[in-house]
mmCIF file of all heavy atoms, coordinates in Angstrom:
data_MODEL
# 
_entry.id   MODEL 
# 
loop_
_atom_site.group_PDB 
_atom_site.id 
_atom_site.type_symbol 
_atom_site.label_atom_id 
_atom_site.label_alt_id 
_atom_site.label_comp_id 
_atom_site.label_asym_id 
_atom_site.label_entity_id 
_atom_site.label_seq_id 
_atom_site.pdbx_PDB_ins_code 
_atom_site.Cartn_x 
_atom_site.Cartn_y 
_atom_site.Cartn_z 
_atom_site.occupancy 
_atom_site.B_iso_or_equiv 
_atom_site.pdbx_formal_charge 
_atom_site.auth_seq_id 
_atom_site.auth_comp_id 
_atom_site.auth_asym_id 
_atom_site.auth_atom_id 
_atom_site.pdbx_PDB_model_num 
ATOM 1   N N   . SER A 1 1  ? 97.191  107.596 96.753  1.00 0.00 ? 1  SER A N   1 
ATOM 2   C CA  . SER A 1 1  ? 97.603  106.512 95.878  1.00 0.00 ? 1  SER A CA  1 
ATOM 3   C C   . SER A 1 1  ? 97.547  105.174 96.596  1.00 0.00 ? 1  SER A C   1 
ATOM 4   O O   . SER A 1 1  ? 97.347  105.100 97.806  1.00 0.00 ? 1  SER A O   1 
ATOM 5   C CB  . SER A 1 1  ? 99.018  106.764 95.354  1.00 0.00 ? 1  SER A CB  1 
ATOM 6   O OG  . SER A 1 1  ? 99.953  106.807 96.420  1.00 0.00 ? 1  SER A OG  1 
ATOM 7   N N   . ARG A 1 2  ? 97.729  104.117 95.839  1.00 0.00 ? 2  ARG A N   1 
ATOM 8   C CA  . ARG A 1 2  ? 97.597  102.773 96.388  1.00 0.00 ? 2  ARG A CA  1 
ATOM 9   C C   . ARG A 1 2  ? 98.567  102.473 97.520  1.00 0.00 ? 2  ARG A C   1 
ATOM 10  O O   . ARG A 1 2  ? 98.213  101.778 98.475  1.00 0.00 ? 2  ARG A O   1 
ATOM 11  C CB  . ARG A 1 2  ? 97.752  101.738 95.272  1.00 0.00 ? 2  ARG A CB  1 
ATOM 12  C CG  . ARG A 1 2  ? 96.565  101.682 94.325  1.00 0.00 ? 2  ARG A CG  1 
ATOM 13  C CD  . ARG A 1 2  ? 96.865  100.859 93.096  1.00 0.00 ? 2  ARG A CD  1 
ATOM 14  N NE  . ARG A 1 2  ? 97.777  101.550 92.200  1.00 0.00 ? 2  ARG A NE  1 
ATOM 15  C CZ  . ARG A 1 2  ? 98.236  101.033 91.071  1.00 0.00 ? 2  ARG A CZ  1 
ATOM 16  N NH1 . ARG A 1 2  ? 97.865  99.806  90.696  1.00 0.00 ? 2  ARG A NH1 1 
ATOM 17  N NH2 . ARG A 1 2  ? 99.058  101.738 90.314  1.00 0.00 ? 2  ARG A NH2 1 
ATOM 18  N N   . THR A 1 3  ? 99.755  103.001 97.435  1.00 0.00 ? 3  THR A N   1 
ATOM 19  C CA  . THR A 1 3  ? 100.753 102.777 98.478  1.00 0.00 ? 3  THR A CA  1 
ATOM 20  C C   . THR A 1 3  ? 100.739 103.857 99.550  1.00 0.00 ? 3  THR A C   1 
ATOM 21  O O   . THR A 1 3  ? 101.394 103.706 100.581 1.00 0.00 ? 3  THR A O   1 
ATOM 22  C CB  . THR A 1 3  ? 102.159 102.713 97.876  1.00 0.00 ? 3  THR A CB  1 
ATOM 23  O OG1 . THR A 1 3  ? 102.477 103.973 97.278  1.00 0.00 ? 3  THR A OG1 1 
ATOM 24  C CG2 . THR A 1 3  ? 102.242 101.611 96.824  1.00 0.00 ? 3  THR A CG2 1 
ATOM 25  N N   . GLY A 1 4  ? 100.018 104.939 99.309  1.00 0.00 ? 4  GLY A N   1 
ATOM 26  C CA  . GLY A 1 4  ? 99.994  106.041 100.243 1.00 0.00 ? 4  GLY A CA  1 
ATOM 27  C C   . GLY A 1 4  ? 101.114 107.041 100.053 1.00 0.00 ? 4  GLY A C   1 
ATOM 28  O O   . GLY A 1 4  ? 101.234 107.990 100.838 1.00 0.00 ? 4  GLY A O   1 
ATOM 29  N N   . SER A 1 5  ? 101.916 106.858 99.018  1.00 0.00 ? 5  SER A N   1 
ATOM 30  C CA  . SER A 1 5  ? 103.067 107.718 98.812  1.00 0.00 ? 5  SER A CA  1 
ATOM 31  C C   . SER A 1 5  ? 102.727 109.047 98.141  1.00 0.00 ? 5  SER A C   1 
ATOM 32  O O   . SER A 1 5  ? 103.553 109.961 98.141  1.00 0.00 ? 5  SER A O   1 
ATOM 33  C CB  . SER A 1 5  ? 104.121 106.990 97.989  1.00 0.00 ? 5  SER A CB  1 
ATOM 34  O OG  . SER A 1 5  ? 103.620 106.637 96.713  1.00 0.00 ? 5  SER A OG  1 
ATOM 35  N N   . ASN A 1 6  ? 101.546 109.159 97.571  1.00 0.00 ? 6  ASN A N   1 
ATOM 36  C CA  . ASN A 1 6  ? 101.158 110.365 96.852  1.00 0.00 ? 6  ASN A CA  1 
ATOM 37  C C   . ASN A 1 6  ? 99.744  110.760 97.246  1.00 0.00 ? 6  ASN A C   1 
ATOM 38  O O   . ASN A 1 6  ? 98.845  109.919 97.278  1.00 0.00 ? 6  ASN A O   1 
ATOM 39  C CB  . ASN A 1 6  ? 101.246 110.128 95.345  1.00 0.00 ? 6  ASN A CB  1 
ATOM 40  C CG  . ASN A 1 6  ? 101.282 111.404 94.528  1.00 0.00 ? 6  ASN A CG  1 
ATOM 41  O OD1 . ASN A 1 6  ? 101.138 111.365 93.308  1.00 0.00 ? 6  ASN A OD1 1 
ATOM 42  N ND2 . ASN A 1 6  ? 101.485 112.540 95.176  1.00 0.00 ? 6  ASN A ND2 1 
ATOM 43  N N   . THR A 1 7  ? 99.551  112.034 97.541  1.00 0.00 ? 7  THR A N   1 
ATOM 44  C CA  . THR A 1 7  ? 98.240  112.561 97.899  1.00 0.00 ? 7  THR A CA  1 
ATOM 45  C C   . THR A 1 7  ? 97.986  113.873 97.187  1.00 0.00 ? 7  THR A C   1 
ATOM 46  O O   . THR A 1 7  ? 98.914  114.538 96.718  1.00 0.00 ? 7  THR A O   1 
ATOM 47  C CB  . THR A 1 7  ? 98.108  112.791 99.414  1.00 0.00 ? 7  THR A CB  1 
ATOM 48  O OG1 . THR A 1 7  ? 99.100  113.741 99.839  1.00 0.00 ? 7  THR A OG1 1 
ATOM 49  C CG2 . THR A 1 7  ? 98.301  111.493 100.184 1.00 0.00 ? 7  THR A CG2 1 
ATOM 50  N N   . ASP A 1 8  ? 96.718  114.260 97.132  1.00 0.00 ? 8  ASP A N   1 
ATOM 51  C CA  . ASP A 1 8  ? 96.349  115.546 96.575  1.00 0.00 ? 8  ASP A CA  1 
ATOM 52  C C   . ASP A 1 8  ? 95.070  116.011 97.263  1.00 0.00 ? 8  ASP A C   1 
ATOM 53  O O   . ASP A 1 8  ? 94.273  115.198 97.739  1.00 0.00 ? 8  ASP A O   1 
ATOM 54  C CB  . ASP A 1 8  ? 96.148  115.460 95.065  1.00 0.00 ? 8  ASP A CB  1 
ATOM 55  C CG  . ASP A 1 8  ? 96.225  116.816 94.376  1.00 0.00 ? 8  ASP A CG  1 
ATOM 56  O OD1 . ASP A 1 8  ? 96.636  117.800 95.022  1.00 0.00 ? 8  ASP A OD1 1 
ATOM 57  O OD2 . ASP A 1 8  ? 95.885  116.894 93.186  1.00 0.00 ? 8  ASP A OD2 1 
ATOM 58  N N   . TYR A 1 9  ? 94.887  117.342 97.300  1.00 0.00 ? 9  TYR A N   1 
ATOM 59  C CA  . TYR A 1 9  ? 93.761  117.926 98.017  1.00 0.00 ? 9  TYR A CA  1 
ATOM 60  C C   . TYR A 1 9  ? 93.132  119.054 97.222  1.00 0.00 ? 9  TYR A C   1 
ATOM 61  O O   . TYR A 1 9  ? 93.803  119.728 96.436  1.00 0.00 ? 9  TYR A O   1 
ATOM 62  C CB  . TYR A 1 9  ? 94.219  118.500 99.361  1.00 0.00 ? 9  TYR A CB  1 
ATOM 63  C CG  . TYR A 1 9  ? 94.825  117.491 100.295 1.00 0.00 ? 9  TYR A CG  1 
ATOM 64  C CD1 . TYR A 1 9  ? 96.186  117.213 100.255 1.00 0.00 ? 9  TYR A CD1 1 
ATOM 65  C CD2 . TYR A 1 9  ? 94.036  116.819 101.219 1.00 0.00 ? 9  TYR A CD2 1 
ATOM 66  C CE1 . TYR A 1 9  ? 96.748  116.280 101.118 1.00 0.00 ? 9  TYR A CE1 1 
ATOM 67  C CE2 . TYR A 1 9  ? 94.587  115.890 102.085 1.00 0.00 ? 9  TYR A CE2 1 
ATOM 68  C CZ  . TYR A 1 9  ? 95.940  115.626 102.030 1.00 0.00 ? 9  TYR A CZ  1 
ATOM 69  O OH  . TYR A 1 9  ? 96.484  114.700 102.890 1.00 0.00 ? 9  TYR A OH  1 
ATOM 70  N N   . ALA A 1 10 ? 91.854  119.263 97.472  1.00 0.00 ? 10 ALA A N   1 
ATOM 71  C CA  . ALA A 1 10 ? 91.206  120.449 96.950  1.00 0.00 ? 10 ALA A CA  1 
ATOM 72  C C   . ALA A 1 10 ? 91.788  121.674 97.643  1.00 0.00 ? 10 ALA A C   1 
ATOM 73  O O   . ALA A 1 10 ? 92.165  121.623 98.813  1.00 0.00 ? 10 ALA A O   1 
ATOM 74  C CB  . ALA A 1 10 ? 89.701  120.383 97.188  1.00 0.00 ? 10 ALA A CB  1 
ATOM 75  N N   . ASP A 1 11 ? 91.846  122.789 96.927  1.00 0.00 ? 11 ASP A N   1 
ATOM 76  C CA  . ASP A 1 11 ? 92.406  124.010 97.500  1.00 0.00 ? 11 ASP A CA  1 
ATOM 77  C C   . ASP A 1 11 ? 91.678  124.432 98.777  1.00 0.00 ? 11 ASP A C   1 
ATOM 78  O O   . ASP A 1 11 ? 92.288  124.973 99.698  1.00 0.00 ? 11 ASP A O   1 
ATOM 79  C CB  . ASP A 1 11 ? 92.349  125.142 96.482  1.00 0.00 ? 11 ASP A CB  1 
ATOM 80  C CG  . ASP A 1 11 ? 93.334  124.965 95.341  1.00 0.00 ? 11 ASP A CG  1 
ATOM 81  O OD1 . ASP A 1 11 ? 94.285  124.169 95.485  1.00 0.00 ? 11 ASP A OD1 1 
ATOM 82  O OD2 . ASP A 1 11 ? 93.158  125.625 94.302  1.00 0.00 ? 11 ASP A OD2 1 
ATOM 83  N N   . SER A 1 12 ? 90.398  124.180 98.838  1.00 0.00 ? 12 SER A N   1 
ATOM 84  C CA  . SER A 1 12 ? 89.590  124.614 99.962  1.00 0.00 ? 12 SER A CA  1 
ATOM 85  C C   . SER A 1 12 ? 89.924  123.901 101.275 1.00 0.00 ? 12 SER A C   1 
ATOM 86  O O   . SER A 1 12 ? 89.561  124.387 102.350 1.00 0.00 ? 12 SER A O   1 
ATOM 87  C CB  . SER A 1 12 ? 88.101  124.425 99.653  1.00 0.00 ? 12 SER A CB  1 
ATOM 88  O OG  . SER A 1 12 ? 87.813  123.066 99.376  1.00 0.00 ? 12 SER A OG  1 
ATOM 89  N N   . VAL A 1 13 ? 90.604  122.757 101.201 1.00 0.00 ? 13 VAL A N   1 
ATOM 90  C CA  . VAL A 1 13 ? 90.902  121.999 102.414 1.00 0.00 ? 13 VAL A CA  1 
ATOM 91  C C   . VAL A 1 13 ? 92.392  121.833 102.673 1.00 0.00 ? 13 VAL A C   1 
ATOM 92  O O   . VAL A 1 13 ? 92.771  121.263 103.709 1.00 0.00 ? 13 VAL A O   1 
ATOM 93  C CB  . VAL A 1 13 ? 90.240  120.604 102.387 1.00 0.00 ? 13 VAL A CB  1 
ATOM 94  C CG1 . VAL A 1 13 ? 88.742  120.739 102.139 1.00 0.00 ? 13 VAL A CG1 1 
ATOM 95  C CG2 . VAL A 1 13 ? 90.880  119.700 101.344 1.00 0.00 ? 13 VAL A CG2 1 
ATOM 96  N N   . LYS A 1 14 ? 93.232  122.333 101.798 1.00 0.00 ? 14 LYS A N   1 
ATOM 97  C CA  . LYS A 1 14 ? 94.675  122.200 101.985 1.00 0.00 ? 14 LYS A CA  1 
ATOM 98  C C   . LYS A 1 14 ? 95.114  122.840 103.291 1.00 0.00 ? 14 LYS A C   1 
ATOM 99  O O   . LYS A 1 14 ? 94.705  123.942 103.636 1.00 0.00 ? 14 LYS A O   1 
ATOM 100 C CB  . LYS A 1 14 ? 95.421  122.838 100.813 1.00 0.00 ? 14 LYS A CB  1 
ATOM 101 C CG  . LYS A 1 14 ? 95.399  122.021 99.541  1.00 0.00 ? 14 LYS A CG  1 
ATOM 102 C CD  . LYS A 1 14 ? 96.179  122.699 98.428  1.00 0.00 ? 14 LYS A CD  1 
ATOM 103 C CE  . LYS A 1 14 ? 96.173  121.862 97.166  1.00 0.00 ? 14 LYS A CE  1 
ATOM 104 N NZ  . LYS A 1 14 ? 96.878  122.525 96.047  1.00 0.00 ? 14 LYS A NZ  1 
ATOM 105 N N   . GLY A 1 15 ? 95.947  122.127 104.010 1.00 0.00 ? 15 GLY A N   1 
ATOM 106 C CA  . GLY A 1 15 ? 96.430  122.609 105.291 1.00 0.00 ? 15 GLY A CA  1 
ATOM 107 C C   . GLY A 1 15 ? 95.528  122.278 106.452 1.00 0.00 ? 15 GLY A C   1 
ATOM 108 O O   . GLY A 1 15 ? 95.925  122.443 107.615 1.00 0.00 ? 15 GLY A O   1 
ATOM 109 N N   . ARG A 1 16 ? 94.311  121.817 106.178 1.00 0.00 ? 16 ARG A N   1 
ATOM 110 C CA  . ARG A 1 16 ? 93.360  121.478 107.236 1.00 0.00 ? 16 ARG A CA  1 
ATOM 111 C C   . ARG A 1 16 ? 92.997  119.998 107.264 1.00 0.00 ? 16 ARG A C   1 
ATOM 112 O O   . ARG A 1 16 ? 92.779  119.441 108.334 1.00 0.00 ? 16 ARG A O   1 
ATOM 113 C CB  . ARG A 1 16 ? 92.081  122.304 107.079 1.00 0.00 ? 16 ARG A CB  1 
ATOM 114 C CG  . ARG A 1 16 ? 92.305  123.807 107.164 1.00 0.00 ? 16 ARG A CG  1 
ATOM 115 C CD  . ARG A 1 16 ? 90.979  124.561 107.204 1.00 0.00 ? 16 ARG A CD  1 
ATOM 116 N NE  . ARG A 1 16 ? 90.191  124.347 105.991 1.00 0.00 ? 16 ARG A NE  1 
ATOM 117 C CZ  . ARG A 1 16 ? 88.960  123.831 105.976 1.00 0.00 ? 16 ARG A CZ  1 
ATOM 118 N NH1 . ARG A 1 16 ? 88.380  123.460 107.121 1.00 0.00 ? 16 ARG A NH1 1 
ATOM 119 N NH2 . ARG A 1 16 ? 88.304  123.689 104.833 1.00 0.00 ? 16 ARG A NH2 1 
ATOM 120 N N   . PHE A 1 17 ? 92.912  119.383 106.095 1.00 0.00 ? 17 PHE A N   1 
ATOM 121 C CA  . PHE A 1 17 ? 92.536  117.977 105.991 1.00 0.00 ? 17 PHE A CA  1 
ATOM 122 C C   . PHE A 1 17 ? 93.744  117.130 105.624 1.00 0.00 ? 17 PHE A C   1 
ATOM 123 O O   . PHE A 1 17 ? 94.634  117.581 104.887 1.00 0.00 ? 17 PHE A O   1 
ATOM 124 C CB  . PHE A 1 17 ? 91.467  117.777 104.910 1.00 0.00 ? 17 PHE A CB  1 
ATOM 125 C CG  . PHE A 1 17 ? 90.114  118.340 105.230 1.00 0.00 ? 17 PHE A CG  1 
ATOM 126 C CD1 . PHE A 1 17 ? 89.904  119.177 106.324 1.00 0.00 ? 17 PHE A CD1 1 
ATOM 127 C CD2 . PHE A 1 17 ? 89.032  118.025 104.424 1.00 0.00 ? 17 PHE A CD2 1 
ATOM 128 C CE1 . PHE A 1 17 ? 88.650  119.692 106.603 1.00 0.00 ? 17 PHE A CE1 1 
ATOM 129 C CE2 . PHE A 1 17 ? 87.771  118.534 104.698 1.00 0.00 ? 17 PHE A CE2 1 
ATOM 130 C CZ  . PHE A 1 17 ? 87.578  119.362 105.785 1.00 0.00 ? 17 PHE A CZ  1 
ATOM 131 N N   . THR A 1 18 ? 93.752  115.892 106.107 1.00 0.00 ? 18 THR A N   1 
ATOM 132 C CA  . THR A 1 18 ? 94.807  114.949 105.776 1.00 0.00 ? 18 THR A CA  1 
ATOM 133 C C   . THR A 1 18 ? 94.203  113.596 105.440 1.00 0.00 ? 18 THR A C   1 
ATOM 134 O O   . THR A 1 18 ? 93.454  113.033 106.245 1.00 0.00 ? 18 THR A O   1 
ATOM 135 C CB  . THR A 1 18 ? 95.804  114.782 106.936 1.00 0.00 ? 18 THR A CB  1 
ATOM 136 O OG1 . THR A 1 18 ? 96.374  116.049 107.276 1.00 0.00 ? 18 THR A OG1 1 
ATOM 137 C CG2 . THR A 1 18 ? 96.920  113.823 106.535 1.00 0.00 ? 18 THR A CG2 1 
ATOM 138 N N   . ILE A 1 19 ? 94.526  113.079 104.273 1.00 0.00 ? 19 ILE A N   1 
ATOM 139 C CA  . ILE A 1 19 ? 94.094  111.745 103.891 1.00 0.00 ? 19 ILE A CA  1 
ATOM 140 C C   . ILE A 1 19 ? 95.217  110.764 104.173 1.00 0.00 ? 19 ILE A C   1 
ATOM 141 O O   . ILE A 1 19 ? 96.394  111.076 103.982 1.00 0.00 ? 19 ILE A O   1 
ATOM 142 C CB  . ILE A 1 19 ? 93.661  111.696 102.408 1.00 0.00 ? 19 ILE A CB  1 
ATOM 143 C CG1 . ILE A 1 19 ? 93.024  110.339 102.073 1.00 0.00 ? 19 ILE A CG1 1 
ATOM 144 C CG2 . ILE A 1 19 ? 94.828  112.003 101.478 1.00 0.00 ? 19 ILE A CG2 1 
ATOM 145 C CD1 . ILE A 1 19 ? 92.380  110.290 100.689 1.00 0.00 ? 19 ILE A CD1 1 
ATOM 146 N N   . SER A 1 20 ? 94.868  109.584 104.637 1.00 0.00 ? 20 SER A N   1 
ATOM 147 C CA  . SER A 1 20 ? 95.856  108.556 104.917 1.00 0.00 ? 20 SER A CA  1 
ATOM 148 C C   . SER A 1 20 ? 95.228  107.186 104.709 1.00 0.00 ? 20 SER A C   1 
ATOM 149 O O   . SER A 1 20 ? 94.017  107.075 104.486 1.00 0.00 ? 20 SER A O   1 
ATOM 150 C CB  . SER A 1 20 ? 96.405  108.690 106.345 1.00 0.00 ? 20 SER A CB  1 
ATOM 151 O OG  . SER A 1 20 ? 95.374  108.518 107.304 1.00 0.00 ? 20 SER A OG  1 
ATOM 152 N N   . ARG A 1 21 ? 96.044  106.154 104.774 1.00 0.00 ? 21 ARG A N   1 
ATOM 153 C CA  . ARG A 1 21 ? 95.508  104.806 104.643 1.00 0.00 ? 21 ARG A CA  1 
ATOM 154 C C   . ARG A 1 21 ? 96.358  103.825 105.426 1.00 0.00 ? 21 ARG A C   1 
ATOM 155 O O   . ARG A 1 21 ? 97.557  104.035 105.638 1.00 0.00 ? 21 ARG A O   1 
ATOM 156 C CB  . ARG A 1 21 ? 95.427  104.383 103.171 1.00 0.00 ? 21 ARG A CB  1 
ATOM 157 C CG  . ARG A 1 21 ? 96.771  104.213 102.474 1.00 0.00 ? 21 ARG A CG  1 
ATOM 158 C CD  . ARG A 1 21 ? 96.583  104.058 100.961 1.00 0.00 ? 21 ARG A CD  1 
ATOM 159 N NE  . ARG A 1 21 ? 95.802  102.886 100.630 1.00 0.00 ? 21 ARG A NE  1 
ATOM 160 C CZ  . ARG A 1 21 ? 95.159  102.707 99.471  1.00 0.00 ? 21 ARG A CZ  1 
ATOM 161 N NH1 . ARG A 1 21 ? 95.192  103.658 98.543  1.00 0.00 ? 21 ARG A NH1 1 
ATOM 162 N NH2 . ARG A 1 21 ? 94.473  101.590 99.251  1.00 0.00 ? 21 ARG A NH2 1 
ATOM 163 N N   . ASP A 1 22 ? 95.716  102.752 105.850 1.00 0.00 ? 22 ASP A N   1 
ATOM 164 C CA  . ASP A 1 22 ? 96.376  101.652 106.533 1.00 0.00 ? 22 ASP A CA  1 
ATOM 165 C C   . ASP A 1 22 ? 95.979  100.393 105.779 1.00 0.00 ? 22 ASP A C   1 
ATOM 166 O O   . ASP A 1 22 ? 94.901  99.845  105.990 1.00 0.00 ? 22 ASP A O   1 
ATOM 167 C CB  . ASP A 1 22 ? 95.953  101.581 107.995 1.00 0.00 ? 22 ASP A CB  1 
ATOM 168 C CG  . ASP A 1 22 ? 96.731  100.546 108.783 1.00 0.00 ? 22 ASP A CG  1 
ATOM 169 O OD1 . ASP A 1 22 ? 97.316  99.633  108.174 1.00 0.00 ? 22 ASP A OD1 1 
ATOM 170 O OD2 . ASP A 1 22 ? 96.752  100.640 110.020 1.00 0.00 ? 22 ASP A OD2 1 
ATOM 171 N N   . ASN A 1 23 ? 96.841  99.947  104.893 1.00 0.00 ? 23 ASN A N   1 
ATOM 172 C CA  . ASN A 1 23 ? 96.504  98.809  104.048 1.00 0.00 ? 23 ASN A CA  1 
ATOM 173 C C   . ASN A 1 23 ? 96.345  97.518  104.844 1.00 0.00 ? 23 ASN A C   1 
ATOM 174 O O   . ASN A 1 23 ? 95.597  96.628  104.440 1.00 0.00 ? 23 ASN A O   1 
ATOM 175 C CB  . ASN A 1 23 ? 97.558  98.638  102.955 1.00 0.00 ? 23 ASN A CB  1 
ATOM 176 C CG  . ASN A 1 23 ? 97.469  99.711  101.888 1.00 0.00 ? 23 ASN A CG  1 
ATOM 177 O OD1 . ASN A 1 23 ? 96.516  100.494 101.854 1.00 0.00 ? 23 ASN A OD1 1 
ATOM 178 N ND2 . ASN A 1 23 ? 98.462  99.764  101.013 1.00 0.00 ? 23 ASN A ND2 1 
ATOM 179 N N   . ALA A 1 24 ? 97.030  97.413  105.961 1.00 0.00 ? 24 ALA A N   1 
ATOM 180 C CA  . ALA A 1 24 ? 96.891  96.230  106.804 1.00 0.00 ? 24 ALA A CA  1 
ATOM 181 C C   . ALA A 1 24 ? 95.496  96.131  107.409 1.00 0.00 ? 24 ALA A C   1 
ATOM 182 O O   . ALA A 1 24 ? 95.030  95.039  107.727 1.00 0.00 ? 24 ALA A O   1 
ATOM 183 C CB  . ALA A 1 24 ? 97.944  96.239  107.907 1.00 0.00 ? 24 ALA A CB  1 
ATOM 184 N N   . LYS A 1 25 ? 94.827  97.266  107.574 1.00 0.00 ? 25 LYS A N   1 
ATOM 185 C CA  . LYS A 1 25 ? 93.476  97.306  108.132 1.00 0.00 ? 25 LYS A CA  1 
ATOM 186 C C   . LYS A 1 25 ? 92.408  97.530  107.070 1.00 0.00 ? 25 LYS A C   1 
ATOM 187 O O   . LYS A 1 25 ? 91.231  97.682  107.407 1.00 0.00 ? 25 LYS A O   1 
ATOM 188 C CB  . LYS A 1 25 ? 93.377  98.394  109.197 1.00 0.00 ? 25 LYS A CB  1 
ATOM 189 C CG  . LYS A 1 25 ? 94.253  98.152  110.412 1.00 0.00 ? 25 LYS A CG  1 
ATOM 190 C CD  . LYS A 1 25 ? 94.073  99.251  111.442 1.00 0.00 ? 25 LYS A CD  1 
ATOM 191 C CE  . LYS A 1 25 ? 94.911  98.988  112.670 1.00 0.00 ? 25 LYS A CE  1 
ATOM 192 N NZ  . LYS A 1 25 ? 94.755  100.046 113.693 1.00 0.00 ? 25 LYS A NZ  1 
ATOM 193 N N   . ASN A 1 26 ? 92.790  97.575  105.814 1.00 0.00 ? 26 ASN A N   1 
ATOM 194 C CA  . ASN A 1 26 ? 91.862  97.811  104.705 1.00 0.00 ? 26 ASN A CA  1 
ATOM 195 C C   . ASN A 1 26 ? 91.040  99.080  104.919 1.00 0.00 ? 26 ASN A C   1 
ATOM 196 O O   . ASN A 1 26 ? 89.838  99.120  104.631 1.00 0.00 ? 26 ASN A O   1 
ATOM 197 C CB  . ASN A 1 26 ? 90.921  96.618  104.524 1.00 0.00 ? 26 ASN A CB  1 
ATOM 198 C CG  . ASN A 1 26 ? 91.634  95.373  104.057 1.00 0.00 ? 26 ASN A CG  1 
ATOM 199 O OD1 . ASN A 1 26 ? 92.803  95.401  103.680 1.00 0.00 ? 26 ASN A OD1 1 
ATOM 200 N ND2 . ASN A 1 26 ? 90.924  94.256  104.066 1.00 0.00 ? 26 ASN A ND2 1 
ATOM 201 N N   . THR A 1 27 ? 91.688  100.115 105.404 1.00 0.00 ? 27 THR A N   1 
ATOM 202 C CA  . THR A 1 27 ? 90.977  101.325 105.790 1.00 0.00 ? 27 THR A CA  1 
ATOM 203 C C   . THR A 1 27 ? 91.704  102.579 105.334 1.00 0.00 ? 27 THR A C   1 
ATOM 204 O O   . THR A 1 27 ? 92.928  102.668 105.429 1.00 0.00 ? 27 THR A O   1 
ATOM 205 C CB  . THR A 1 27 ? 90.796  101.374 107.319 1.00 0.00 ? 27 THR A CB  1 
ATOM 206 O OG1 . THR A 1 27 ? 90.119  100.188 107.752 1.00 0.00 ? 27 THR A OG1 1 
ATOM 207 C CG2 . THR A 1 27 ? 89.970  102.576 107.730 1.00 0.00 ? 27 THR A CG2 1 
ATOM 208 N N   . ALA A 1 28 ? 90.925  103.541 104.846 1.00 0.00 ? 28 ALA A N   1 
ATOM 209 C CA  . ALA A 1 28 ? 91.422  104.869 104.543 1.00 0.00 ? 28 ALA A CA  1 
ATOM 210 C C   . ALA A 1 28 ? 90.794  105.852 105.518 1.00 0.00 ? 28 ALA A C   1 
ATOM 211 O O   . ALA A 1 28 ? 89.718  105.599 106.079 1.00 0.00 ? 28 ALA A O   1 
ATOM 212 C CB  . ALA A 1 28 ? 91.094  105.261 103.107 1.00 0.00 ? 28 ALA A CB  1 
ATOM 213 N N   . TYR A 1 29 ? 91.450  106.992 105.716 1.00 0.00 ? 29 TYR A N   1 
ATOM 214 C CA  . TYR A 1 29 ? 90.996  107.963 106.692 1.00 0.00 ? 29 TYR A CA  1 
ATOM 215 C C   . TYR A 1 29 ? 91.018  109.366 106.109 1.00 0.00 ? 29 TYR A C   1 
ATOM 216 O O   . TYR A 1 29 ? 91.773  109.669 105.187 1.00 0.00 ? 29 TYR A O   1 
ATOM 217 C CB  . TYR A 1 29 ? 91.893  107.949 107.934 1.00 0.00 ? 29 TYR A CB  1 
ATOM 218 C CG  . TYR A 1 29 ? 92.035  106.604 108.580 1.00 0.00 ? 29 TYR A CG  1 
ATOM 219 C CD1 . TYR A 1 29 ? 93.099  105.765 108.254 1.00 0.00 ? 29 TYR A CD1 1 
ATOM 220 C CD2 . TYR A 1 29 ? 91.102  106.161 109.511 1.00 0.00 ? 29 TYR A CD2 1 
ATOM 221 C CE1 . TYR A 1 29 ? 93.234  104.518 108.846 1.00 0.00 ? 29 TYR A CE1 1 
ATOM 222 C CE2 . TYR A 1 29 ? 91.225  104.917 110.105 1.00 0.00 ? 29 TYR A CE2 1 
ATOM 223 C CZ  . TYR A 1 29 ? 92.293  104.102 109.770 1.00 0.00 ? 29 TYR A CZ  1 
ATOM 224 O OH  . TYR A 1 29 ? 92.422  102.869 110.354 1.00 0.00 ? 29 TYR A OH  1 
# 
């Protein structure tokens, strides 16, 4: 989500992948 407070994942990657963002750097990971 825009604030980073909510995330969701495909079942195939749950527990292995992590999405995050740094709004100060205009970057998602």
